[in-house]
Amino acid sequence: MKIIGIEDLTTDQIHREIANGGKFVFYQYCVSAVLVTFKRTSDVYFLRAGQHSAVHGLPFTLISLVAGWWGIPWGPIYTIQSVWTNITGGRDVTPEILAQQTSSPAEPIESTPVESAVSPPLRLNPDVLRREVHTSAKRQRGSLAI
């Protein structure tokens, strides 16, 4: 999994953007084929302050609306969950990404030689994000059952 939107930013610039309201988010989408339904997440997107997160989730929302409904019984359920997550701005994983900077093991995010010389690269640990997706899905199922 990679982070989209940090290609030309140093770690210091990313922290400044986050202090000004930037965030890391991912989106969900659902694809179904009669008896099989897949609910997946996008790559992580870094959104600067002032960027509309729902607009970035629009392609994933459209995929879900077109291809998600057709699975029985989970297609409609996962499609509604995915659309709701996307139109409300995606799932914010900023705290998890920032917490990973000091944890290991993690895979380094690709950076330019200049960025590497200026500040250490931001690291992304896919296991933390998988746990966040799983935990979020549990919370959503719990809230639907109420």
Protein backbone atom coordinates (compact mmCIF):
# COMPACT_ATOMS: atom_id res chain seq x y z
CA MET A 1 0.00 0.00 0.00
CA LYS A 2 1.34 3.43 -0.83
CA ILE A 3 0.48 6.99 0.10
CA ILE A 4 -0.68 9.21 -2.75
CA GLY A 5 -0.07 12.94 -2.47
CA ILE A 6 3.25 13.13 -0.61
CA GLU A 7 5.56 12.64 -3.57
CA ASP A 8 7.21 16.08 -3.39
CA LEU A 9 6.90 16.73 0.35
CA THR A 10 9.43 16.31 3.12
CA THR A 11 8.39 14.91 6.49
CA ASP A 12 8.54 18.42 7.97
CA GLN A 13 6.23 19.75 5.26
CA ILE A 14 3.79 16.90 5.88
CA HIS A 15 3.70 17.69 9.61
CA ARG A 16 3.04 21.37 8.84
CA GLU A 17 0.20 20.41 6.50
CA ILE A 18 -1.29 18.15 9.18
CA ALA A 19 -1.06 20.97 11.73
CA ASN A 20 -3.01 23.15 9.25
CA GLY A 21 -5.73 20.52 8.78
CA GLY A 22 -4.24 17.99 6.35
CA LYS A 23 -4.99 14.31 6.84
CA PHE A 24 -4.36 10.79 5.59
CA VAL A 25 -7.47 8.95 4.41
CA PHE A 26 -8.45 5.83 2.52
CA TYR A 27 -11.65 5.03 0.68
CA GLN A 28 -13.67 1.84 0.35
CA TYR A 29 -15.23 0.21 -2.67
CA CYS A 30 -17.34 -2.86 -3.26
CA VAL A 31 -17.51 -5.18 -6.27
CA SER A 32 -19.99 -8.06 -6.55
CA ALA A 33 -20.71 -10.98 -8.85
CA VAL A 34 -23.96 -12.74 -7.82
CA LEU A 35 -22.77 -14.89 -4.88
CA VAL A 36 -19.39 -13.24 -4.32
CA THR A 37 -18.85 -9.74 -2.91
CA PHE A 38 -15.52 -8.03 -2.32
CA LYS A 39 -15.10 -4.99 -0.07
CA ARG A 40 -11.69 -3.40 -0.51
CA THR A 41 -9.83 -0.23 0.42
CA SER A 42 -7.95 2.22 -1.75
CA ASP A 43 -4.39 3.35 -1.25
CA VAL A 44 -3.94 5.99 1.41
CA TYR A 45 -4.35 9.57 0.17
CA PHE A 46 -2.72 12.58 1.79
CA LEU A 47 -5.13 15.50 1.61
CA ARG A 48 -3.84 18.98 2.28
CA ALA A 49 -5.87 21.47 4.27
CA GLY A 50 -8.76 22.74 2.18
CA GLN A 51 -8.93 19.75 -0.17
CA HIS A 52 -12.35 18.11 -0.25
CA SER A 53 -11.99 14.49 0.76
CA ALA A 54 -15.37 13.42 -0.64
CA VAL A 55 -14.29 14.51 -4.13
CA HIS A 56 -11.25 12.20 -3.99
CA GLY A 57 -13.55 9.33 -2.98
CA LEU A 58 -15.92 9.85 -5.89
CA PRO A 59 -14.32 7.23 -8.21
CA PHE A 60 -14.57 4.59 -5.46
CA THR A 61 -18.17 5.58 -4.78
CA LEU A 62 -19.03 5.20 -8.46
CA ILE A 63 -17.37 1.78 -8.63
CA SER A 64 -19.46 0.66 -5.66
CA LEU A 65 -22.70 2.07 -7.05
CA VAL A 66 -22.21 0.38 -10.42
CA ALA A 67 -20.62 -2.94 -9.44
CA GLY A 68 -21.37 -3.43 -5.75
CA TRP A 69 -25.09 -4.14 -5.56
CA TRP A 70 -25.19 -7.44 -7.39
CA GLY A 71 -23.99 -9.85 -4.69
CA ILE A 72 -26.49 -11.60 -2.46
CA PRO A 73 -26.70 -10.86 0.49
CA TRP A 74 -23.60 -8.71 1.15
CA GLY A 75 -23.58 -6.64 -2.03
CA PRO A 76 -26.17 -4.06 -0.95
CA ILE A 77 -24.85 -3.97 2.64
CA TYR A 78 -21.20 -3.44 1.67
CA THR A 79 -22.18 -0.98 -1.07
CA ILE A 80 -24.08 1.21 1.39
CA GLN A 81 -21.18 1.05 3.87
CA SER A 82 -18.64 1.95 1.18
CA VAL A 83 -20.71 4.81 -0.23
CA TRP A 84 -21.32 6.21 3.26
CA THR A 85 -17.62 6.02 4.15
CA ASN A 86 -16.66 7.79 0.91
CA ILE A 87 -19.24 10.57 0.96
CA THR A 88 -18.37 11.37 4.56
CA GLY A 89 -14.74 11.93 3.56
CA GLY A 90 -13.17 8.48 3.73
CA ARG A 91 -11.61 6.85 6.78
CA ASP A 92 -9.13 9.17 8.51
CA VAL A 93 -5.97 7.23 9.43
CA THR A 94 -3.74 10.20 10.27
CA PRO A 95 -3.00 9.09 13.86
CA GLU A 96 -2.05 5.59 12.69
CA ILE A 97 0.26 6.90 9.96
CA LEU A 98 1.97 9.33 12.34
CA ALA A 99 2.34 6.62 14.99
CA GLN A 100 4.10 4.43 12.44
CA GLN A 101 6.91 6.90 11.92
CA THR A 102 8.68 5.64 15.00
CA SER A 103 7.54 2.02 14.85
CA SER A 104 9.11 -0.77 12.87
CA PRO A 105 9.11 -2.88 10.77
CA ALA A 106 7.73 -0.74 8.02
CA GLU A 107 8.31 -0.23 4.36
CA PRO A 108 9.77 3.16 3.47
CA ILE A 109 7.73 5.36 1.21
CA GLU A 110 9.58 6.24 -1.93
CA SER A 111 11.34 9.58 -1.63
CA THR A 112 13.70 11.70 -3.64
CA PRO A 113 17.41 11.83 -2.71
CA VAL A 114 17.00 15.47 -1.64
CA GLU A 115 14.14 14.59 0.70
CA SER A 116 16.14 11.75 2.24
CA ALA A 117 19.00 14.12 2.98
CA VAL A 118 16.71 16.70 4.58
CA SER A 119 14.53 14.49 6.76
CA PRO A 120 13.91 10.79 7.38
CA PRO A 121 11.34 9.23 5.05
CA LEU A 122 7.80 8.73 6.24
CA ARG A 123 7.17 5.03 6.79
CA LEU A 124 4.04 3.05 6.05
CA ASN A 125 3.20 -0.16 7.90
CA PRO A 126 0.39 -1.97 6.02
CA ASP A 127 -0.44 -4.16 9.03
CA VAL A 128 -1.55 -1.14 11.07
CA LEU A 129 -3.88 -0.04 8.28
CA ARG A 130 -5.32 -3.54 7.90
CA ARG A 131 -6.07 -3.56 11.65
CA GLU A 132 -7.72 -0.12 11.32
CA VAL A 133 -9.91 -1.33 8.44
CA HIS A 134 -10.90 -4.45 10.40
CA THR A 135 -11.62 -2.43 13.58
CA SER A 136 -13.62 0.14 11.60
CA ALA A 137 -15.68 -2.60 9.96
CA LYS A 138 -16.45 -4.08 13.39
CA ARG A 139 -17.54 -0.66 14.66
CA GLN A 140 -19.76 -0.17 11.61
CA ARG A 141 -21.38 -3.58 12.02
CA GLY A 142 -21.94 -2.84 15.70
CA SER A 143 -23.59 0.49 14.94
CA LEU A 144 -25.84 -1.06 12.30
CA ALA A 145 -27.09 -3.69 14.75
CA ILE A 146 -28.25 -1.11 17.30
